[in-house]
Protein backbone atom coordinates (compact mmCIF):
# COMPACT_ATOMS: atom_id res chain seq x y z
CA MET A 1 -21.82 44.14 -5.92
CA ALA A 2 -25.83 43.11 -4.56
CA PRO A 3 -28.14 43.86 -8.17
CA ARG A 4 -29.33 47.98 -7.87
CA HIS A 5 -33.21 47.49 -8.01
CA LEU A 6 -34.19 45.12 -5.35
CA SER A 7 -37.74 45.95 -3.26
CA ALA A 8 -37.64 47.14 -0.28
CA PRO A 9 -38.27 44.38 1.41
CA VAL A 10 -35.65 42.69 -0.23
CA ARG A 11 -33.20 45.07 0.60
CA ARG A 12 -33.99 45.62 3.97
CA ALA A 13 -33.65 41.59 4.26
CA GLN A 14 -29.88 41.80 2.99
CA ILE A 15 -29.02 44.86 4.70
CA LEU A 16 -30.20 42.88 8.15
CA ASP A 17 -28.86 39.48 6.69
CA ALA A 18 -25.35 41.20 6.74
CA SER A 19 -24.86 43.10 9.98
CA HIS A 20 -26.51 39.85 11.77
CA ARG A 21 -24.02 38.25 9.94
CA LEU A 22 -21.12 40.56 11.48
CA PHE A 23 -22.35 41.89 14.64
CA LEU A 24 -21.58 38.03 15.86
CA THR A 25 -18.14 38.19 13.75
CA LYS A 26 -17.18 40.91 14.71
CA GLY A 27 -19.47 42.14 17.72
CA TYR A 28 -21.70 45.18 17.41
CA GLU A 29 -19.93 48.08 18.93
CA ALA A 30 -16.61 46.86 16.28
CA THR A 31 -18.75 46.82 13.07
CA THR A 32 -19.24 50.34 11.72
CA ILE A 33 -21.64 50.98 8.97
CA GLU A 34 -18.93 51.25 6.74
CA ASP A 35 -18.45 47.46 7.01
CA VAL A 36 -22.25 46.96 6.30
CA LEU A 37 -22.55 48.99 3.18
CA THR A 38 -19.22 46.98 2.33
CA ALA A 39 -20.72 43.72 2.93
CA VAL A 40 -23.96 44.30 0.91
CA GLY A 41 -22.73 46.43 -1.86
CA ILE A 42 -25.40 49.56 -1.21
CA ALA A 43 -24.49 53.08 -0.32
CA LYS A 44 -24.88 55.16 2.61
CA GLY A 45 -27.85 56.70 1.58
CA THR A 46 -29.50 53.87 0.49
CA LEU A 47 -28.83 52.57 3.99
CA TYR A 48 -30.21 55.13 5.97
CA HIS A 49 -33.16 54.99 3.64
CA HIS A 50 -33.79 51.62 5.18
CA PHE A 51 -32.47 52.32 8.78
CA PRO A 52 -31.44 55.91 10.56
CA GLY A 53 -28.21 53.81 12.25
CA LYS A 54 -26.81 51.13 13.56
CA GLU A 55 -28.61 50.58 16.39
CA ALA A 56 -31.88 50.58 14.51
CA ILE A 57 -30.91 47.60 13.04
CA LEU A 58 -29.62 45.78 16.15
CA ASP A 59 -32.60 46.84 17.42
CA ALA A 60 -34.68 44.90 13.90
CA ILE A 61 -32.43 41.98 13.20
CA VAL A 62 -33.48 42.01 17.59
CA LEU A 63 -37.65 41.65 16.34
CA ARG A 64 -37.33 39.26 14.01
CA THR A 65 -35.47 36.99 15.78
CA VAL A 66 -38.46 37.39 18.81
CA ASP A 67 -40.99 36.86 15.41
CA ALA A 68 -39.67 33.88 14.21
CA ILE A 69 -39.26 31.93 17.69
CA VAL A 70 -42.67 33.36 18.32
CA GLN A 71 -43.78 31.94 14.51
CA ARG A 72 -42.30 28.55 15.75
CA ALA A 73 -43.63 28.58 19.33
CA GLN A 74 -47.15 28.91 17.94
CA ALA A 75 -46.30 26.10 15.40
CA ALA A 76 -44.88 24.12 17.82
CA ALA A 77 -48.02 24.81 20.41
CA ASP A 78 -50.54 24.10 17.32
């Protein structure tokens, strides 16, 4: 089980990392919130404190990926 007292950014990253893995392996539609909760080892309320639902998690994963691509492109351009 994941440690209980993590900073919000660290916990949010855990949720995004686990969700990303699950979406890639099981597919978005087949992945349930329960799958994410089990993978991270958190309660439902903790997840909903950070994200209102599965779609918001996917949106955050997409934004995080785009940000990483932009940073790499900027570094290559510099």
